[in-house]
Amino acid sequence: MAADNSIHVRAGEHIRSLVRRDLQGSNEVWALLKGELEPGLRAEESEFRAASTQDVIQRNQGRSL
């Protein structure tokens, strides 16, 4: 019975570790996204220009993800 309990403890620790790792990754992704978006959010409205859907499609053709 003690062996079964230790397996559950190790499994629980493993799951907690995976959750921590996932949250850390999410925090890193959020920080990266925030860094990319902040300049646009802080920009003056005069810095923006109108773009049609076709303009965006043409601009992005040839870009790889």
PDB file of N, CA and C in Angstrom:
ATOM      1  N   MET A   1       0.828  -1.194   0.000  1.00  0.00           N
ATOM      2  CA  MET A   1       0.000   0.000   0.000  1.00  0.00           C
ATOM      3  C   MET A   1       0.868   1.252   0.000  1.00  0.00           C
ATOM      4  N   ALA A   2       1.994   1.209   0.707  1.00  0.00           N
ATOM      5  CA  ALA A   2       2.876   2.377   0.752  1.00  0.00           C
ATOM      6  C   ALA A   2       3.435   2.688  -0.627  1.00  0.00           C
ATOM      7  N   ALA A   3       3.710   1.659  -1.403  1.00  0.00           N
ATOM      8  CA  ALA A   3       4.231   1.869  -2.757  1.00  0.00           C
ATOM      9  C   ALA A   3       3.200   2.590  -3.613  1.00  0.00           C
ATOM     10  N   ASP A   4       1.929   2.197  -3.485  1.00  0.00           N
ATOM     11  CA  ASP A   4       0.868   2.870  -4.240  1.00  0.00           C
ATOM     12  C   ASP A   4       0.787   4.342  -3.861  1.00  0.00           C
ATOM     13  N   ASN A   5       0.911   4.632  -2.573  1.00  0.00           N
ATOM     14  CA  ASN A   5       0.842   6.011  -2.095  1.00  0.00           C
ATOM     15  C   ASN A   5       1.994   6.833  -2.659  1.00  0.00           C
ATOM     16  N   SER A   6       3.193   6.257  -2.696  1.00  0.00           N
ATOM     17  CA  SER A   6       4.346   7.002  -3.209  1.00  0.00           C
ATOM     18  C   SER A   6       4.204   7.268  -4.706  1.00  0.00           C
ATOM     19  N   ILE A   7       3.583   6.338  -5.422  1.00  0.00           N
ATOM     20  CA  ILE A   7       3.340   6.555  -6.853  1.00  0.00           C
ATOM     21  C   ILE A   7       2.405   7.743  -7.036  1.00  0.00           C
ATOM     22  N   HIS A   8       1.360   7.817  -6.210  1.00  0.00           N
ATOM     23  CA  HIS A   8       0.420   8.928  -6.307  1.00  0.00           C
ATOM     24  C   HIS A   8       1.094  10.248  -5.940  1.00  0.00           C
ATOM     25  N   VAL A   9       1.950  10.221  -4.944  1.00  0.00           N
ATOM     26  CA  VAL A   9       2.667  11.438  -4.557  1.00  0.00           C
ATOM     27  C   VAL A   9       3.557  11.889  -5.705  1.00  0.00           C
ATOM     28  N   ARG A  10       4.300  10.949  -6.298  1.00  0.00           N
ATOM     29  CA  ARG A  10       5.172  11.302  -7.422  1.00  0.00           C
ATOM     30  C   ARG A  10       4.354  11.786  -8.606  1.00  0.00           C
ATOM     31  N   ALA A  11       3.225  11.142  -8.859  1.00  0.00           N
ATOM     32  CA  ALA A  11       2.368  11.563  -9.972  1.00  0.00           C
ATOM     33  C   ALA A  11       1.834  12.968  -9.713  1.00  0.00           C
ATOM     34  N   GLY A  12       1.421  13.219  -8.477  1.00  0.00           N
ATOM     35  CA  GLY A  12       0.925  14.549  -8.121  1.00  0.00           C
ATOM     36  C   GLY A  12       2.005  15.606  -8.281  1.00  0.00           C
ATOM     37  N   GLU A  13       3.219  15.284  -7.848  1.00  0.00           N
ATOM     38  CA  GLU A  13       4.336  16.217  -8.003  1.00  0.00           C
ATOM     39  C   GLU A  13       4.633  16.456  -9.476  1.00  0.00           C
ATOM     40  N   HIS A  14       4.562  15.391 -10.256  1.00  0.00           N
ATOM     41  CA  HIS A  14       4.819  15.502 -11.690  1.00  0.00           C
ATOM     42  C   HIS A  14       3.769  16.399 -12.352  1.00  0.00           C
ATOM     43  N   ILE A  15       2.511  16.198 -12.001  1.00  0.00           N
ATOM     44  CA  ILE A  15       1.439  17.023 -12.570  1.00  0.00           C
ATOM     45  C   ILE A  15       1.619  18.479 -12.167  1.00  0.00           C
ATOM     46  N   ARG A  16       1.934  18.735 -10.901  1.00  0.00           N
ATOM     47  CA  ARG A  16       2.169  20.116 -10.457  1.00  0.00           C
ATOM     48  C   ARG A  16       3.328  20.738 -11.215  1.00  0.00           C
ATOM     49  N   SER A  17       4.367  19.963 -11.450  1.00  0.00           N
ATOM     50  CA  SER A  17       5.513  20.452 -12.214  1.00  0.00           C
ATOM     51  C   SER A  17       5.105  20.807 -13.641  1.00  0.00           C
ATOM     52  N   LEU A  18       4.301  19.958 -14.262  1.00  0.00           N
ATOM     53  CA  LEU A  18       3.830  20.234 -15.621  1.00  0.00           C
ATOM     54  C   LEU A  18       2.970  21.493 -15.666  1.00  0.00           C
ATOM     55  N   VAL A  19       2.115  21.660 -14.674  1.00  0.00           N
ATOM     56  CA  VAL A  19       1.268  22.858 -14.618  1.00  0.00           C
ATOM     57  C   VAL A  19       2.131  24.101 -14.449  1.00  0.00           C
ATOM     58  N   ARG A  20       3.125  24.045 -13.559  1.00  0.00           N
ATOM     59  CA  ARG A  20       4.028  25.194 -13.370  1.00  0.00           C
ATOM     60  C   ARG A  20       4.754  25.530 -14.662  1.00  0.00           C
ATOM     61  N   ARG A  21       5.238  24.505 -15.357  1.00  0.00           N
ATOM     62  CA  ARG A  21       5.952  24.711 -16.615  1.00  0.00           C
ATOM     63  C   ARG A  21       5.028  25.345 -17.655  1.00  0.00           C
ATOM     64  N   ASP A  22       3.793  24.862 -17.724  1.00  0.00           N
ATOM     65  CA  ASP A  22       2.825  25.409 -18.675  1.00  0.00           C
ATOM     66  C   ASP A  22       2.523  26.871 -18.354  1.00  0.00           C
ATOM     67  N   LEU A  23       2.330  27.173 -17.073  1.00  0.00           N
ATOM     68  CA  LEU A  23       2.058  28.558 -16.681  1.00  0.00           C
ATOM     69  C   LEU A  23       3.248  29.457 -16.989  1.00  0.00           C
ATOM     70  N   GLN A  24       4.456  28.971 -16.758  1.00  0.00           N
ATOM     71  CA  GLN A  24       5.658  29.745 -17.060  1.00  0.00           C
ATOM     72  C   GLN A  24       5.715  30.040 -18.551  1.00  0.00           C
ATOM     73  N   GLY A  25       5.436  29.026 -19.366  1.00  0.00           N
ATOM     74  CA  GLY A  25       5.426  29.223 -20.816  1.00  0.00           C
ATOM     75  C   GLY A  25       4.373  30.232 -21.227  1.00  0.00           C
ATOM     76  N   SER A  26       3.196  30.158 -20.603  1.00  0.00           N
ATOM     77  CA  SER A  26       2.128  31.109 -20.905  1.00  0.00           C
ATOM     78  C   SER A  26       2.548  32.520 -20.530  1.00  0.00           C
ATOM     79  N   ASN A  27       3.209  32.674 -19.398  1.00  0.00           N
ATOM     80  CA  ASN A  27       3.679  33.995 -18.973  1.00  0.00           C
ATOM     81  C   ASN A  27       4.703  34.547 -19.953  1.00  0.00           C
ATOM     82  N   GLU A  28       5.586  33.691 -20.442  1.00  0.00           N
ATOM     83  CA  GLU A  28       6.597  34.134 -21.402  1.00  0.00           C
ATOM     84  C   GLU A  28       5.954  34.554 -22.720  1.00  0.00           C
ATOM     85  N   VAL A  29       4.977  33.783 -23.176  1.00  0.00           N
ATOM     86  CA  VAL A  29       4.277  34.119 -24.421  1.00  0.00           C
ATOM     87  C   VAL A  29       3.520  35.427 -24.248  1.00  0.00           C
ATOM     88  N   TRP A  30       2.851  35.602 -23.111  1.00  0.00           N
ATOM     89  CA  TRP A  30       2.109  36.830 -22.856  1.00  0.00           C
ATOM     90  C   TRP A  30       3.057  38.028 -22.839  1.00  0.00           C
ATOM     91  N   ALA A  31       4.209  37.897 -22.213  1.00  0.00           N
ATOM     92  CA  ALA A  31       5.180  38.994 -22.165  1.00  0.00           C
ATOM     93  C   ALA A  31       5.665  39.343 -23.570  1.00  0.00           C
ATOM     94  N   LEU A  32       5.909  38.345 -24.400  1.00  0.00           N
ATOM     95  CA  LEU A  32       6.331  38.582 -25.776  1.00  0.00           C
ATOM     96  C   LEU A  32       5.237  39.294 -26.558  1.00  0.00           C
ATOM     97  N   LEU A  33       4.007  38.812 -26.447  1.00  0.00           N
ATOM     98  CA  LEU A  33       2.884  39.430 -27.147  1.00  0.00           C
ATOM     99  C   LEU A  33       2.675  40.865 -26.680  1.00  0.00           C
ATOM    100  N   LYS A  34       2.743  41.072 -25.387  1.00  0.00           N
ATOM    101  CA  LYS A  34       2.577  42.414 -24.827  1.00  0.00           C
ATOM    102  C   LYS A  34       3.646  43.352 -25.373  1.00  0.00           C
ATOM    103  N   GLY A  35       4.878  42.884 -25.454  1.00  0.00           N
ATOM    104  CA  GLY A  35       5.966  43.694 -25.992  1.00  0.00           C
ATOM    105  C   GLY A  35       5.756  44.060 -27.451  1.00  0.00           C
ATOM    106  N   GLU A  36       5.143  43.154 -28.209  1.00  0.00           N
ATOM    107  CA  GLU A  36       4.862  43.428 -29.622  1.00  0.00           C
ATOM    108  C   GLU A  36       3.709  44.413 -29.780  1.00  0.00           C
ATOM    109  N   LEU A  37       2.708  44.328 -28.917  1.00  0.00           N
ATOM    110  CA  LEU A  37       1.509  45.152 -29.066  1.00  0.00           C
ATOM    111  C   LEU A  37       1.618  46.540 -28.439  1.00  0.00           C
ATOM    112  N   GLU A  38       2.410  46.680 -27.388  1.00  0.00           N
ATOM    113  CA  GLU A  38       2.465  47.945 -26.659  1.00  0.00           C
ATOM    114  C   GLU A  38       2.814  49.158 -27.517  1.00  0.00           C
ATOM    115  N   PRO A  39       3.791  49.075 -28.411  1.00  0.00           N
ATOM    116  CA  PRO A  39       4.084  50.269 -29.218  1.00  0.00           C
ATOM    117  C   PRO A  39       2.866  50.753 -30.008  1.00  0.00           C
ATOM    118  N   GLY A  40       2.100  49.839 -30.553  1.00  0.00           N
ATOM    119  CA  GLY A  40       0.902  50.221 -31.289  1.00  0.00           C
ATOM    120  C   GLY A  40      -0.173  50.796 -30.388  1.00  0.00           C
ATOM    121  N   LEU A  41      -0.280  50.256 -29.190  1.00  0.00           N
ATOM    122  CA  LEU A  41      -1.275  50.761 -28.254  1.00  0.00           C
ATOM    123  C   LEU A  41      -0.923  52.155 -27.751  1.00  0.00           C
ATOM    124  N   ARG A  42       0.356  52.473 -27.704  1.00  0.00           N
ATOM    125  CA  ARG A  42       0.809  53.775 -27.208  1.00  0.00           C
ATOM    126  C   ARG A  42       0.981  54.809 -28.323  1.00  0.00           C
ATOM    127  N   ALA A  43       0.878  54.378 -29.572  1.00  0.00           N
ATOM    128  CA  ALA A  43       1.122  55.275 -30.705  1.00  0.00           C
ATOM    129  C   ALA A  43       0.017  56.320 -30.826  1.00  0.00           C
ATOM    130  N   GLU A  44       0.398  57.454 -31.359  1.00  0.00           N
ATOM    131  CA  GLU A  44      -0.568  58.510 -31.642  1.00  0.00           C
ATOM    132  C   GLU A  44      -1.427  58.087 -32.825  1.00  0.00           C
ATOM    133  N   GLU A  45      -2.647  58.545 -32.858  1.00  0.00           N
ATOM    134  CA  GLU A  45      -3.554  58.169 -33.944  1.00  0.00           C
ATOM    135  C   GLU A  45      -3.018  58.613 -35.297  1.00  0.00           C
ATOM    136  N   SER A  46      -2.257  59.691 -35.324  1.00  0.00           N
ATOM    137  CA  SER A  46      -1.704  60.196 -36.589  1.00  0.00           C
ATOM    138  C   SER A  46      -0.683  59.230 -37.203  1.00  0.00           C
ATOM    139  N   GLU A  47      -0.173  58.295 -36.419  1.00  0.00           N
ATOM    140  CA  GLU A  47       0.803  57.329 -36.921  1.00  0.00           C
ATOM    141  C   GLU A  47       0.155  56.170 -37.687  1.00  0.00           C
ATOM    142  N   PHE A  48      -1.157  56.056 -37.605  1.00  0.00           N
ATOM    143  CA  PHE A  48      -1.867  54.978 -38.280  1.00  0.00           C
ATOM    144  C   PHE A  48      -2.297  55.423 -39.665  1.00  0.00           C
ATOM    145  N   ARG A  49      -2.445  54.454 -40.554  1.00  0.00           N
ATOM    146  CA  ARG A  49      -2.978  54.758 -41.885  1.00  0.00           C
ATOM    147  C   ARG A  49      -4.029  53.713 -42.232  1.00  0.00           C
ATOM    148  N   ALA A  50      -4.965  54.136 -43.064  1.00  0.00           N
ATOM    149  CA  ALA A  50      -6.041  53.232 -43.465  1.00  0.00           C
ATOM    150  C   ALA A  50      -5.475  52.151 -44.382  1.00  0.00           C
ATOM    151  N   ALA A  51      -5.985  50.948 -44.249  1.00  0.00           N
ATOM    152  CA  ALA A  51      -5.566  49.835 -45.109  1.00  0.00           C
ATOM    153  C   ALA A  51      -6.785  48.969 -45.384  1.00  0.00           C
ATOM    154  N   SER A  52      -6.961  48.638 -46.637  1.00  0.00           N
ATOM    155  CA  SER A  52      -8.062  47.743 -47.002  1.00  0.00           C
ATOM    156  C   SER A  52      -7.638  46.297 -46.743  1.00  0.00           C
ATOM    157  N   THR A  53      -8.595  45.428 -46.815  1.00  0.00           N
ATOM    158  CA  THR A  53      -8.296  44.005 -46.670  1.00  0.00           C
ATOM    159  C   THR A  53      -7.292  43.568 -47.726  1.00  0.00           C
ATOM    160  N   GLN A  54      -7.500  44.040 -48.951  1.00  0.00           N
ATOM    161  CA  GLN A  54      -6.602  43.682 -50.049  1.00  0.00           C
ATOM    162  C   GLN A  54      -5.185  44.209 -49.789  1.00  0.00           C
ATOM    163  N   ASP A  55      -5.067  45.416 -49.223  1.00  0.00           N
ATOM    164  CA  ASP A  55      -3.746  45.961 -48.876  1.00  0.00           C
ATOM    165  C   ASP A  55      -3.014  45.027 -47.912  1.00  0.00           C
ATOM    166  N   VAL A  56      -3.721  44.560 -46.918  1.00  0.00           N
ATOM    167  CA  VAL A  56      -3.118  43.686 -45.904  1.00  0.00           C
ATOM    168  C   VAL A  56      -2.715  42.353 -46.528  1.00  0.00           C
ATOM    169  N   ILE A  57      -3.582  41.800 -47.367  1.00  0.00           N
ATOM    170  CA  ILE A  57      -3.271  40.525 -48.026  1.00  0.00           C
ATOM    171  C   ILE A  57      -2.031  40.671 -48.894  1.00  0.00           C
ATOM    172  N   GLN A  58      -1.973  41.738 -49.679  1.00  0.00           N
ATOM    173  CA  GLN A  58      -0.814  41.943 -50.557  1.00  0.00           C
ATOM    174  C   GLN A  58       0.464  42.152 -49.748  1.00  0.00           C
ATOM    175  N   ARG A  59       0.370  42.915 -48.676  1.00  0.00           N
ATOM    176  CA  ARG A  59       1.540  43.165 -47.839  1.00  0.00           C
ATOM    177  C   ARG A  59       2.068  41.871 -47.222  1.00  0.00           C
ATOM    178  N   ASN A  60       1.160  40.980 -46.866  1.00  0.00           N
ATOM    179  CA  ASN A  60       1.557  39.765 -46.155  1.00  0.00           C
ATOM    180  C   ASN A  60       1.863  38.582 -47.062  1.00  0.00           C
ATOM    181  N   GLN A  61       1.610  38.703 -48.337  1.00  0.00           N
ATOM    182  CA  GLN A  61       1.941  37.602 -49.241  1.00  0.00           C
ATOM    183  C   GLN A  61       3.454  37.421 -49.260  1.00  0.00           C
ATOM    184  N   GLY A  62       3.861  36.206 -49.181  1.00  0.00           N
ATOM    185  CA  GLY A  62       5.286  35.926 -49.185  1.00  0.00           C
ATOM    186  C   GLY A  62       5.898  35.874 -47.800  1.00  0.00           C
ATOM    187  N   ARG A  63       5.174  36.348 -46.804  1.00  0.00           N
ATOM    188  CA  ARG A  63       5.675  36.244 -45.426  1.00  0.00           C
ATOM    189  C   ARG A  63       5.434  34.833 -44.928  1.00  0.00           C
ATOM    190  N   SER A  64       6.391  34.304 -44.218  1.00  0.00           N
ATOM    191  CA  SER A  64       6.190  32.981 -43.617  1.00  0.00           C
ATOM    192  C   SER A  64       5.910  33.152 -42.139  1.00  0.00           C
ATOM    193  N   LEU A  65       5.142  32.235 -41.592  1.00  0.00           N
ATOM    194  CA  LEU A  65       4.792  32.310 -40.166  1.00  0.00           C
ATOM    195  C   LEU A  65       5.886  31.811 -39.312  1.00  0.00           C
TER     196      LEU A  65
END
